[in-house]
């Protein structure tokens, strides 16, 4: 298994695509499989493959390096060779990639109606696990302020209050600890009830 930077060269027009790989053999096979199937992520390279055919493309290593240095050397090669088939000027990043109107429309259509986790109902077992995982994790003052700002001034409907009350009915809470009672007392010190 050899890691490094490679070039996918079109010998018909001299244009090239530069990338990095942990394993040259697997990466070459991946490119050829996707291009042959017409499903390569790089539409510019896919169009050239379709136009010129597979025989004009050569996959060859440019340099060998440690896997941890791949992005460093890939960026140097992108800057030096300025490969025509690479859409992104930054190695390992889609920043700067210019997508066509058709691509943007396809991406938009694919996301329409995708609500991710909105409205998803977790099972009781999952909710218990999530609760246990979050227990004891302190919240930052900024986080607490955001929660307070979001809930400040909101009033619960009569139905919601009734549901909460029914849920809590009959639940016996453990008595407050001495430390907790002391904190409550300290918080109440200095407060005076106003009689109007």
N, C-alpha and C. Protein backbone atom coordinates (compact mmCIF):
# COMPACT_ATOMS: atom_id res chain seq x y z
N UNK A 1 0.86 -1.19 0.00
CA UNK A 1 0.00 0.00 0.00
C UNK A 1 0.89 1.24 0.00
N UNK A 2 0.74 2.09 -1.03
CA UNK A 2 1.57 3.29 -1.12
C UNK A 2 0.70 4.53 -1.16
N UNK A 3 1.07 5.52 -0.35
CA UNK A 3 0.32 6.77 -0.27
C UNK A 3 1.07 7.86 -1.00
N UNK A 4 0.32 8.82 -1.53
CA UNK A 4 0.96 9.93 -2.21
C UNK A 4 0.00 10.70 -3.09
N UNK A 5 0.57 11.48 -3.99
CA UNK A 5 -0.20 12.33 -4.91
C UNK A 5 -0.17 11.70 -6.29
N UNK A 6 -1.30 11.73 -6.96
CA UNK A 6 -1.39 11.13 -8.30
C UNK A 6 -1.96 12.13 -9.30
N UNK A 7 -1.80 11.80 -10.56
CA UNK A 7 -2.40 12.60 -11.63
C UNK A 7 -3.18 11.68 -12.55
N UNK A 8 -4.34 12.13 -12.95
CA UNK A 8 -5.15 11.44 -13.95
C UNK A 8 -5.05 12.32 -15.20
N UNK A 9 -4.25 11.86 -16.16
CA UNK A 9 -3.88 12.68 -17.31
C UNK A 9 -4.66 12.28 -18.55
N UNK A 10 -5.21 13.28 -19.24
CA UNK A 10 -5.87 13.06 -20.53
C UNK A 10 -4.83 13.33 -21.61
N UNK A 11 -4.32 12.27 -22.26
CA UNK A 11 -3.24 12.44 -23.25
C UNK A 11 -3.75 13.04 -24.56
N UNK A 12 -5.07 13.11 -24.73
CA UNK A 12 -5.62 13.70 -25.95
C UNK A 12 -5.51 15.22 -25.94
N UNK A 13 -5.65 15.84 -24.75
CA UNK A 13 -5.60 17.30 -24.70
C UNK A 13 -4.62 17.83 -23.64
N UNK A 14 -3.98 16.94 -22.88
CA UNK A 14 -3.00 17.36 -21.88
C UNK A 14 -3.59 17.84 -20.58
N UNK A 15 -4.91 17.82 -20.46
CA UNK A 15 -5.54 18.28 -19.22
C UNK A 15 -5.41 17.20 -18.15
N UNK A 16 -5.40 17.64 -16.88
CA UNK A 16 -5.17 16.68 -15.82
C UNK A 16 -6.03 16.93 -14.58
N UNK A 17 -6.14 15.87 -13.79
CA UNK A 17 -6.81 15.91 -12.50
C UNK A 17 -5.80 15.42 -11.47
N UNK A 18 -5.63 16.18 -10.38
CA UNK A 18 -4.66 15.80 -9.34
C UNK A 18 -5.40 15.50 -8.05
N UNK A 19 -4.98 14.43 -7.39
CA UNK A 19 -5.59 14.05 -6.13
C UNK A 19 -4.59 13.35 -5.23
N UNK A 20 -5.03 13.01 -4.04
CA UNK A 20 -4.18 12.30 -3.08
C UNK A 20 -4.84 10.98 -2.73
N UNK A 21 -4.02 9.99 -2.37
CA UNK A 21 -4.54 8.67 -2.05
C UNK A 21 -3.68 7.98 -1.01
N UNK A 22 -4.34 7.23 -0.14
CA UNK A 22 -3.61 6.42 0.83
C UNK A 22 -3.14 5.14 0.14
N UNK A 23 -3.90 4.71 -0.87
CA UNK A 23 -3.58 3.50 -1.64
C UNK A 23 -3.85 3.80 -3.11
N UNK A 24 -2.78 3.91 -3.91
CA UNK A 24 -2.93 4.27 -5.33
C UNK A 24 -3.83 3.30 -6.09
N UNK A 25 -3.63 2.01 -5.86
CA UNK A 25 -4.40 0.99 -6.59
C UNK A 25 -5.89 1.12 -6.36
N UNK A 26 -6.28 1.26 -5.10
CA UNK A 26 -7.70 1.38 -4.77
C UNK A 26 -8.29 2.68 -5.30
N UNK A 27 -7.50 3.76 -5.23
CA UNK A 27 -8.01 5.05 -5.71
C UNK A 27 -8.20 5.04 -7.23
N UNK A 28 -7.26 4.44 -7.94
CA UNK A 28 -7.38 4.35 -9.40
C UNK A 28 -8.60 3.53 -9.79
N UNK A 29 -8.80 2.40 -9.09
CA UNK A 29 -9.96 1.54 -9.37
C UNK A 29 -11.27 2.28 -9.08
N UNK A 30 -11.28 3.07 -8.00
CA UNK A 30 -12.48 3.84 -7.65
C UNK A 30 -12.82 4.85 -8.74
N UNK A 31 -11.80 5.61 -9.19
CA UNK A 31 -12.02 6.59 -10.28
C UNK A 31 -12.57 5.90 -11.51
N UNK A 32 -11.92 4.82 -11.94
CA UNK A 32 -12.32 4.14 -13.18
C UNK A 32 -13.73 3.56 -13.07
N UNK A 33 -14.05 3.01 -11.90
CA UNK A 33 -15.38 2.43 -11.71
C UNK A 33 -16.46 3.52 -11.82
N UNK A 34 -16.26 4.64 -11.11
CA UNK A 34 -17.25 5.73 -11.12
C UNK A 34 -17.36 6.36 -12.51
N UNK A 35 -16.22 6.55 -13.17
CA UNK A 35 -16.24 7.16 -14.51
C UNK A 35 -16.92 6.24 -15.52
N UNK A 36 -16.63 4.95 -15.45
CA UNK A 36 -17.23 3.99 -16.37
C UNK A 36 -18.74 3.89 -16.16
N UNK A 37 -19.17 4.07 -14.90
CA UNK A 37 -20.60 4.02 -14.58
C UNK A 37 -21.31 5.34 -14.87
N UNK A 38 -20.52 6.39 -15.17
CA UNK A 38 -21.10 7.71 -15.45
C UNK A 38 -21.56 8.43 -14.20
N UNK A 39 -20.97 8.05 -13.02
CA UNK A 39 -21.41 8.64 -11.75
C UNK A 39 -20.26 9.28 -10.99
N UNK A 40 -19.28 9.79 -11.69
CA UNK A 40 -18.13 10.40 -10.99
C UNK A 40 -18.55 11.73 -10.38
N UNK A 41 -17.98 12.05 -9.19
CA UNK A 41 -18.34 13.28 -8.49
C UNK A 41 -17.90 14.54 -9.23
N UNK A 42 -16.89 14.41 -10.10
CA UNK A 42 -16.40 15.56 -10.86
C UNK A 42 -17.02 15.54 -12.25
N UNK A 43 -18.02 16.39 -12.46
CA UNK A 43 -18.76 16.38 -13.73
C UNK A 43 -17.88 16.77 -14.93
N UNK A 44 -16.88 17.65 -14.70
CA UNK A 44 -15.99 18.08 -15.78
C UNK A 44 -15.14 16.89 -16.25
N UNK A 45 -14.60 16.14 -15.30
CA UNK A 45 -13.81 14.95 -15.61
C UNK A 45 -14.70 13.88 -16.25
N UNK A 46 -15.91 13.73 -15.75
CA UNK A 46 -16.85 12.75 -16.29
C UNK A 46 -17.19 13.06 -17.74
N UNK A 47 -17.40 14.35 -18.04
CA UNK A 47 -17.73 14.76 -19.42
C UNK A 47 -16.56 14.45 -20.36
N UNK A 48 -15.33 14.69 -19.91
CA UNK A 48 -14.14 14.40 -20.74
C UNK A 48 -13.99 12.90 -20.96
N UNK A 49 -14.23 12.11 -19.92
CA UNK A 49 -14.15 10.65 -20.03
C UNK A 49 -15.17 10.14 -21.05
N UNK A 50 -16.38 10.68 -20.97
CA UNK A 50 -17.45 10.28 -21.89
C UNK A 50 -17.11 10.68 -23.32
N UNK A 51 -16.52 11.87 -23.48
CA UNK A 51 -16.20 12.39 -24.82
C UNK A 51 -15.01 11.65 -25.45
N UNK A 52 -13.92 11.49 -24.70
CA UNK A 52 -12.68 10.93 -25.26
C UNK A 52 -12.54 9.41 -25.09
N UNK A 53 -13.23 8.85 -24.11
CA UNK A 53 -13.11 7.42 -23.86
C UNK A 53 -12.03 7.12 -22.83
N UNK A 54 -12.05 5.90 -22.32
CA UNK A 54 -11.14 5.51 -21.23
C UNK A 54 -9.70 5.35 -21.69
N UNK A 55 -9.48 5.09 -22.99
CA UNK A 55 -8.13 4.80 -23.49
C UNK A 55 -7.18 5.99 -23.42
N UNK A 56 -7.70 7.21 -23.38
CA UNK A 56 -6.83 8.38 -23.39
C UNK A 56 -6.44 8.86 -21.98
N UNK A 57 -6.96 8.19 -20.96
CA UNK A 57 -6.66 8.60 -19.59
C UNK A 57 -5.60 7.69 -18.96
N UNK A 58 -4.61 8.31 -18.35
CA UNK A 58 -3.53 7.59 -17.68
C UNK A 58 -3.50 8.01 -16.21
N UNK A 59 -3.47 7.01 -15.33
CA UNK A 59 -3.37 7.25 -13.89
C UNK A 59 -1.93 6.99 -13.50
N UNK A 60 -1.24 7.99 -12.96
CA UNK A 60 0.15 7.76 -12.55
C UNK A 60 0.49 8.55 -11.29
N UNK A 61 1.31 7.95 -10.42
CA UNK A 61 1.73 8.64 -9.20
C UNK A 61 2.67 9.80 -9.53
N UNK A 62 2.51 10.90 -8.79
CA UNK A 62 3.41 12.05 -8.94
C UNK A 62 4.51 12.00 -7.88
N UNK A 63 4.12 11.70 -6.64
CA UNK A 63 5.10 11.59 -5.56
C UNK A 63 4.56 10.73 -4.44
N UNK A 64 5.45 10.14 -3.67
CA UNK A 64 5.09 9.32 -2.51
C UNK A 64 5.31 10.14 -1.24
N UNK A 65 4.44 9.95 -0.27
CA UNK A 65 4.59 10.64 1.01
C UNK A 65 3.83 9.89 2.09
N UNK A 66 4.02 10.29 3.33
CA UNK A 66 3.29 9.70 4.45
C UNK A 66 1.83 10.15 4.38
N UNK A 67 0.90 9.30 4.80
CA UNK A 67 -0.52 9.68 4.77
C UNK A 67 -0.82 11.00 5.47
N UNK A 68 -0.09 11.31 6.56
CA UNK A 68 -0.35 12.56 7.29
C UNK A 68 0.03 13.80 6.48
N UNK A 69 0.88 13.64 5.45
CA UNK A 69 1.34 14.78 4.65
C UNK A 69 0.60 14.93 3.32
N UNK A 70 -0.43 14.10 3.10
CA UNK A 70 -1.13 14.10 1.81
C UNK A 70 -1.68 15.46 1.41
N UNK A 71 -2.42 16.10 2.32
CA UNK A 71 -3.04 17.40 1.97
C UNK A 71 -2.00 18.47 1.70
N UNK A 72 -0.90 18.44 2.46
CA UNK A 72 0.17 19.42 2.26
C UNK A 72 0.73 19.32 0.84
N UNK A 73 1.09 18.10 0.44
CA UNK A 73 1.69 17.92 -0.89
C UNK A 73 0.66 18.05 -2.02
N UNK A 74 -0.57 17.65 -1.75
CA UNK A 74 -1.61 17.82 -2.77
C UNK A 74 -1.81 19.30 -3.08
N UNK A 75 -1.81 20.13 -2.02
CA UNK A 75 -1.97 21.57 -2.24
C UNK A 75 -0.81 22.14 -3.05
N UNK A 76 0.42 21.68 -2.75
CA UNK A 76 1.59 22.16 -3.50
C UNK A 76 1.46 21.79 -4.97
N UNK A 77 0.98 20.58 -5.25
CA UNK A 77 0.82 20.13 -6.64
C UNK A 77 -0.30 20.90 -7.35
N UNK A 78 -1.38 21.17 -6.63
CA UNK A 78 -2.48 21.95 -7.22
C UNK A 78 -1.99 23.35 -7.59
N UNK A 79 -1.19 23.96 -6.70
CA UNK A 79 -0.66 25.30 -6.95
C UNK A 79 0.33 25.31 -8.11
N UNK A 80 1.15 24.26 -8.20
CA UNK A 80 2.19 24.22 -9.23
C UNK A 80 1.65 23.85 -10.61
N UNK A 81 0.79 22.82 -10.68
CA UNK A 81 0.32 22.30 -11.97
C UNK A 81 -0.95 22.98 -12.47
N UNK A 82 -1.74 23.53 -11.58
CA UNK A 82 -3.03 24.14 -11.91
C UNK A 82 -3.84 23.21 -12.83
N UNK A 83 -4.21 22.02 -12.33
CA UNK A 83 -4.91 21.04 -13.16
C UNK A 83 -6.31 21.52 -13.58
N UNK A 84 -6.61 21.31 -14.85
CA UNK A 84 -7.85 21.83 -15.44
C UNK A 84 -9.11 21.11 -14.95
N UNK A 85 -8.99 19.82 -14.59
CA UNK A 85 -10.16 19.07 -14.18
C UNK A 85 -10.52 19.22 -12.70
N UNK A 86 -9.62 19.76 -11.90
CA UNK A 86 -9.93 19.97 -10.49
C UNK A 86 -10.85 21.18 -10.33
N UNK A 87 -11.97 20.97 -9.66
CA UNK A 87 -12.92 22.08 -9.46
C UNK A 87 -12.53 22.94 -8.27
N UNK A 88 -11.91 22.34 -7.25
CA UNK A 88 -11.58 23.06 -6.02
C UNK A 88 -10.11 23.46 -6.00
N UNK A 89 -9.82 24.72 -5.72
CA UNK A 89 -8.43 25.16 -5.65
C UNK A 89 -7.74 24.78 -4.34
N UNK A 90 -8.54 24.29 -3.35
CA UNK A 90 -7.99 23.95 -2.04
C UNK A 90 -8.08 22.45 -1.84
N UNK A 91 -6.96 21.82 -1.47
CA UNK A 91 -6.92 20.37 -1.27
C UNK A 91 -7.82 19.97 -0.10
N UNK A 92 -8.61 18.93 -0.34
CA UNK A 92 -9.46 18.40 0.72
C UNK A 92 -10.59 19.31 1.12
N UNK A 93 -10.99 20.24 0.26
CA UNK A 93 -12.00 21.22 0.61
C UNK A 93 -12.82 21.56 -0.63
N UNK A 94 -14.12 21.80 -0.45
CA UNK A 94 -14.98 22.20 -1.56
C UNK A 94 -15.10 23.72 -1.68
N UNK A 95 -14.35 24.43 -0.80
CA UNK A 95 -14.39 25.88 -0.81
C UNK A 95 -13.82 26.41 -2.13
N UNK A 96 -14.53 27.27 -2.78
CA UNK A 96 -14.05 27.83 -4.04
C UNK A 96 -14.54 27.08 -5.26
N UNK A 97 -15.21 25.96 -5.04
CA UNK A 97 -15.74 25.20 -6.17
C UNK A 97 -16.93 25.95 -6.75
N UNK A 98 -16.95 26.11 -8.05
CA UNK A 98 -18.04 26.81 -8.71
C UNK A 98 -18.95 25.76 -9.33
N UNK A 99 -20.19 25.71 -8.85
CA UNK A 99 -21.14 24.73 -9.35
C UNK A 99 -22.08 25.39 -10.34
N UNK A 100 -22.42 24.65 -11.38
CA UNK A 100 -23.32 25.16 -12.40
C UNK A 100 -24.75 25.24 -11.91
N UNK A 101 -25.59 25.94 -12.68
CA UNK A 101 -27.00 26.12 -12.30
C UNK A 101 -27.71 24.78 -12.21
N UNK A 102 -27.39 23.87 -13.13
CA UNK A 102 -28.04 22.56 -13.13
C UNK A 102 -27.67 21.76 -11.86
N UNK A 103 -26.39 21.82 -11.48
CA UNK A 103 -25.93 21.12 -10.27
C UNK A 103 -26.59 21.70 -9.03
N UNK A 104 -26.65 23.04 -8.96
CA UNK A 104 -27.29 23.69 -7.81
C UNK A 104 -28.77 23.32 -7.73
N UNK A 105 -29.44 23.23 -8.88
CA UNK A 105 -30.86 22.87 -8.90
C UNK A 105 -31.06 21.44 -8.42
N UNK A 106 -30.15 20.53 -8.83
CA UNK A 106 -30.24 19.13 -8.40
C UNK A 106 -30.03 19.02 -6.89
N UNK A 107 -29.04 19.77 -6.37
CA UNK A 107 -28.76 19.75 -4.93
C UNK A 107 -29.96 20.29 -4.14
N UNK A 108 -30.56 21.35 -4.67
CA UNK A 108 -31.71 21.95 -4.01
C UNK A 108 -32.89 20.98 -3.99
N UNK A 109 -33.13 20.33 -5.13
CA UNK A 109 -34.24 19.38 -5.23
C UNK A 109 -34.04 18.20 -4.28
N UNK A 110 -32.79 17.77 -4.13
CA UNK A 110 -32.49 16.63 -3.26
C UNK A 110 -32.75 16.98 -1.79
N UNK A 111 -32.60 18.26 -1.43
CA UNK A 111 -32.78 18.68 -0.03
C UNK A 111 -34.22 19.05 0.30
N UNK A 112 -35.06 19.24 -0.73
CA UNK A 112 -36.44 19.66 -0.49
C UNK A 112 -37.19 18.59 0.29
N UNK A 113 -37.86 19.02 1.32
CA UNK A 113 -38.64 18.09 2.14
C UNK A 113 -37.80 17.32 3.14
N UNK A 114 -36.48 17.54 3.12
CA UNK A 114 -35.61 16.83 4.07
C UNK A 114 -35.62 17.59 5.38
N UNK A 115 -36.31 17.06 6.36
CA UNK A 115 -36.43 17.75 7.65
C UNK A 115 -35.45 17.20 8.67
N UNK A 116 -34.56 16.32 8.23
CA UNK A 116 -33.57 15.70 9.11
C UNK A 116 -34.26 15.07 10.31
N UNK A 117 -34.07 15.62 11.51
CA UNK A 117 -34.63 15.00 12.70
C UNK A 117 -35.90 15.69 13.16
N UNK A 118 -36.39 16.66 12.42
CA UNK A 118 -37.58 17.40 12.83
C UNK A 118 -38.78 16.45 12.86
N UNK A 119 -39.46 16.42 13.98
CA UNK A 119 -40.64 15.58 14.11
C UNK A 119 -40.34 14.13 14.41
N UNK A 120 -39.07 13.77 14.52
CA UNK A 120 -38.71 12.38 14.79
C UNK A 120 -39.02 12.05 16.24
N UNK A 121 -39.66 10.92 16.46
CA UNK A 121 -39.98 10.47 17.80
C UNK A 121 -39.06 9.32 18.17
N UNK A 122 -38.29 9.50 19.23
CA UNK A 122 -37.37 8.46 19.68
C UNK A 122 -38.11 7.50 20.62
N UNK A 123 -37.66 6.26 20.63
CA UNK A 123 -38.24 5.27 21.54
C UNK A 123 -37.88 5.64 22.97
N UNK A 124 -38.62 5.05 23.92
CA UNK A 124 -38.38 5.31 25.34
C UNK A 124 -36.95 4.91 25.71
N UNK A 125 -36.51 3.77 25.19
CA UNK A 125 -35.16 3.28 25.48
C UNK A 125 -34.09 4.28 25.00
N UNK A 126 -34.29 4.82 23.79
CA UNK A 126 -33.35 5.80 23.24
C UNK A 126 -33.36 7.07 24.06
N UNK A 127 -34.55 7.52 24.47
CA UNK A 127 -34.65 8.75 25.26
C UNK A 127 -33.94 8.59 26.60
N UNK A 128 -34.07 7.41 27.22
CA UNK A 128 -33.40 7.13 28.50
C UNK A 128 -31.89 7.18 28.32
N UNK A 129 -31.40 6.58 27.22
CA UNK A 129 -29.96 6.60 26.93
C UNK A 129 -29.46 8.01 26.70
N UNK A 130 -30.22 8.80 25.94
CA UNK A 130 -29.83 10.19 25.65
C UNK A 130 -29.79 11.01 26.94
N UNK A 131 -30.79 10.78 27.80
CA UNK A 131 -30.85 11.50 29.06
C UNK A 131 -29.66 11.15 29.95
N UNK A 132 -29.35 9.85 30.02
CA UNK A 132 -28.23 9.40 30.85
C UNK A 132 -26.91 9.96 30.35
N UNK A 133 -26.77 10.04 29.04
CA UNK A 133 -25.53 10.55 28.44
C UNK A 133 -25.32 12.02 28.75
N UNK A 134 -26.42 12.78 28.84
CA UNK A 134 -26.33 14.22 29.08
C UNK A 134 -26.27 14.58 30.56
N UNK A 135 -26.62 13.62 31.44
CA UNK A 135 -26.68 13.91 32.87
C UNK A 135 -25.29 14.23 33.42
N UNK A 136 -25.22 15.30 34.17
CA UNK A 136 -23.96 15.66 34.81
C UNK A 136 -23.06 16.54 33.97
N UNK A 137 -23.43 16.77 32.70
CA UNK A 137 -22.61 17.63 31.85
C UNK A 137 -22.99 19.08 32.15
N UNK A 138 -22.05 19.88 32.67
CA UNK A 138 -22.40 21.27 33.00
C UNK A 138 -22.62 22.11 31.75
N UNK A 139 -23.58 23.00 31.83
CA UNK A 139 -23.86 23.90 30.71
C UNK A 139 -23.10 25.21 30.93
N UNK A 140 -22.59 25.75 29.85
CA UNK A 140 -21.85 27.00 29.95
C UNK A 140 -22.82 28.15 30.24
N UNK A 141 -22.33 29.26 30.82
CA UNK A 141 -23.21 30.42 31.06
C UNK A 141 -23.87 30.94 29.78
N UNK A 142 -23.13 30.86 28.67
CA UNK A 142 -23.69 31.32 27.39
C UNK A 142 -24.86 30.44 26.99
N UNK A 143 -24.70 29.11 27.15
CA UNK A 143 -25.76 28.16 26.81
C UNK A 143 -26.99 28.40 27.68
N UNK A 144 -26.77 28.60 28.99
CA UNK A 144 -27.88 28.87 29.91
C UNK A 144 -28.61 30.16 29.53
N UNK A 145 -27.83 31.17 29.13
CA UNK A 145 -28.43 32.46 28.73
C UNK A 145 -29.29 32.29 27.49
N UNK A 146 -28.83 31.44 26.55
CA UNK A 146 -29.61 31.20 25.32
C UNK A 146 -30.92 30.50 25.65
N UNK A 147 -30.86 29.51 26.54
CA UNK A 147 -32.07 28.79 26.93
C UNK A 147 -33.04 29.76 27.61
N UNK A 148 -32.51 30.60 28.51
CA UNK A 148 -33.34 31.57 29.21
C UNK A 148 -34.00 32.56 28.26
N UNK A 149 -33.22 33.04 27.29
CA UNK A 149 -33.74 34.02 26.33
C UNK A 149 -34.84 33.42 25.46
N UNK A 150 -34.66 32.12 25.13
CA UNK A 150 -35.63 31.46 24.26
C UNK A 150 -36.94 31.19 24.98
N UNK A 151 -36.87 30.92 26.29
CA UNK A 151 -38.08 30.55 27.03
C UNK A 151 -38.70 31.72 27.81
N UNK A 152 -37.96 32.83 27.91
CA UNK A 152 -38.44 33.96 28.71
C UNK A 152 -39.73 34.53 28.09
N UNK A 153 -40.74 34.69 28.93
CA UNK A 153 -41.98 35.32 28.47
C UNK A 153 -42.94 34.36 27.79
N UNK A 154 -42.54 33.11 27.59
CA UNK A 154 -43.45 32.16 26.94
C UNK A 154 -44.45 31.66 27.98
N UNK A 155 -45.69 31.53 27.56
CA UNK A 155 -46.72 31.01 28.46
C UNK A 155 -47.21 29.68 27.91
N UNK A 156 -47.34 28.72 28.81
CA UNK A 156 -47.81 27.41 28.40
C UNK A 156 -49.33 27.42 28.33
N UNK A 157 -49.84 26.70 27.35
CA UNK A 157 -51.29 26.63 27.19
C UNK A 157 -51.90 25.83 28.36
N UNK A 158 -53.19 26.00 28.54
CA UNK A 158 -53.90 25.30 29.61
C UNK A 158 -53.77 23.79 29.41
N UNK A 159 -53.88 23.34 28.15
CA UNK A 159 -53.79 21.91 27.84
C UNK A 159 -52.41 21.36 28.22
N UNK A 160 -51.36 22.11 27.87
CA UNK A 160 -50.00 21.66 28.17
C UNK A 160 -49.77 21.60 29.68
N UNK A 161 -50.26 22.62 30.39
CA UNK A 161 -50.10 22.63 31.84
C UNK A 161 -50.83 21.45 32.47
N UNK A 162 -52.00 21.12 31.92
CA UNK A 162 -52.78 19.99 32.45
C UNK A 162 -52.05 18.67 32.19
N UNK A 163 -51.43 18.54 31.02
CA UNK A 163 -50.68 17.31 30.69
C UNK A 163 -49.48 17.15 31.60
N UNK A 164 -48.76 18.26 31.85
CA UNK A 164 -47.59 18.22 32.73
C UNK A 164 -48.02 17.85 34.15
N UNK A 165 -49.11 18.46 34.60
CA UNK A 165 -49.63 18.19 35.94
C UNK A 165 -50.02 16.72 36.09
N UNK A 166 -50.70 16.19 35.08
CA UNK A 166 -51.14 14.79 35.13
C UNK A 166 -49.94 13.84 35.16
N UNK A 167 -48.89 14.20 34.42
CA UNK A 167 -47.70 13.36 34.37
C UNK A 167 -46.98 13.34 35.72
N UNK A 168 -46.97 14.49 36.40
CA UNK A 168 -46.24 14.60 37.67
C UNK A 168 -47.05 14.14 38.86
N UNK A 169 -48.35 13.96 38.65
CA UNK A 169 -49.24 13.57 39.75
C UNK A 169 -48.81 12.22 40.33
N UNK A 170 -48.66 12.18 41.63
CA UNK A 170 -48.33 10.94 42.31
C UNK A 170 -46.85 10.61 42.34
N UNK A 171 -46.02 11.42 41.66
CA UNK A 171 -44.58 11.17 41.68
C UNK A 171 -44.00 11.79 42.94
N UNK A 172 -43.37 10.97 43.76
CA UNK A 172 -42.78 11.47 45.00
C UNK A 172 -41.31 11.78 44.74
N UNK A 173 -40.96 13.00 45.05
CA UNK A 173 -39.57 13.41 44.87
C UNK A 173 -38.80 13.17 46.16
N UNK A 174 -37.51 12.88 46.00
CA UNK A 174 -36.65 12.72 47.17
C UNK A 174 -36.50 14.08 47.85
N UNK A 175 -36.35 14.11 49.16
CA UNK A 175 -36.19 15.41 49.85
C UNK A 175 -34.91 16.10 49.41
N UNK A 176 -34.94 17.43 49.41
CA UNK A 176 -33.76 18.20 49.02
C UNK A 176 -32.61 17.93 49.98
N UNK A 177 -31.41 17.94 49.44
CA UNK A 177 -30.22 17.75 50.28
C UNK A 177 -29.98 19.01 51.11
N UNK A 178 -29.15 18.90 52.14
CA UNK A 178 -28.82 20.04 53.00
C UNK A 178 -28.18 21.15 52.16
N UNK A 179 -27.28 20.76 51.23
CA UNK A 179 -26.60 21.76 50.38
C UNK A 179 -27.61 22.49 49.50
N UNK A 180 -28.57 21.73 48.95
CA UNK A 180 -29.56 22.34 48.07
C UNK A 180 -30.45 23.30 48.83
N UNK A 181 -30.86 22.89 50.05
CA UNK A 181 -31.69 23.77 50.87
C UNK A 181 -30.95 25.04 51.23
N UNK A 182 -29.63 24.92 51.50
CA UNK A 182 -28.81 26.09 51.83
C UNK A 182 -28.73 27.05 50.64
N UNK A 183 -28.60 26.47 49.42
CA UNK A 183 -28.56 27.31 48.21
C UNK A 183 -29.87 28.05 48.00
N UNK A 184 -30.99 27.33 48.22
CA UNK A 184 -32.31 27.96 48.07
C UNK A 184 -32.48 29.09 49.08
N UNK A 185 -32.05 28.86 50.30
CA UNK A 185 -32.17 29.88 51.34
C UNK A 185 -31.31 31.09 51.00
N UNK A 186 -30.09 30.84 50.51
CA UNK A 186 -29.19 31.94 50.15
C UNK A 186 -29.76 32.76 49.00
N UNK A 187 -30.42 32.08 48.06
CA UNK A 187 -31.01 32.78 46.92
C UNK A 187 -32.17 33.66 47.35
N UNK A 188 -32.86 33.24 48.41
CA UNK A 188 -34.02 33.99 48.86
C UNK A 188 -33.67 35.15 49.80
N UNK A 189 -32.43 35.14 50.34
CA UNK A 189 -32.03 36.20 51.26
C UNK A 189 -32.07 37.56 50.57
N UNK A 190 -32.56 38.50 51.24
CA UNK A 190 -32.60 39.86 50.70
C UNK A 190 -33.83 40.14 49.87
N UNK A 191 -34.57 39.08 49.51
CA UNK A 191 -35.81 39.31 48.76
C UNK A 191 -36.94 39.60 49.73
N UNK A 192 -37.73 40.57 49.42
CA UNK A 192 -38.86 40.90 50.29
C UNK A 192 -40.13 40.85 49.48
N UNK A 193 -41.14 40.31 50.10
CA UNK A 193 -42.44 40.24 49.41
C UNK A 193 -43.08 41.62 49.45
N UNK A 194 -43.61 42.04 48.33
CA UNK A 194 -44.29 43.32 48.27
C UNK A 194 -45.78 43.11 48.53
N UNK A 195 -46.29 43.81 49.49
CA UNK A 195 -47.72 43.74 49.78
C UNK A 195 -48.37 44.97 49.21
N UNK A 196 -49.31 44.77 48.33
CA UNK A 196 -49.96 45.90 47.69
C UNK A 196 -51.40 46.01 48.13
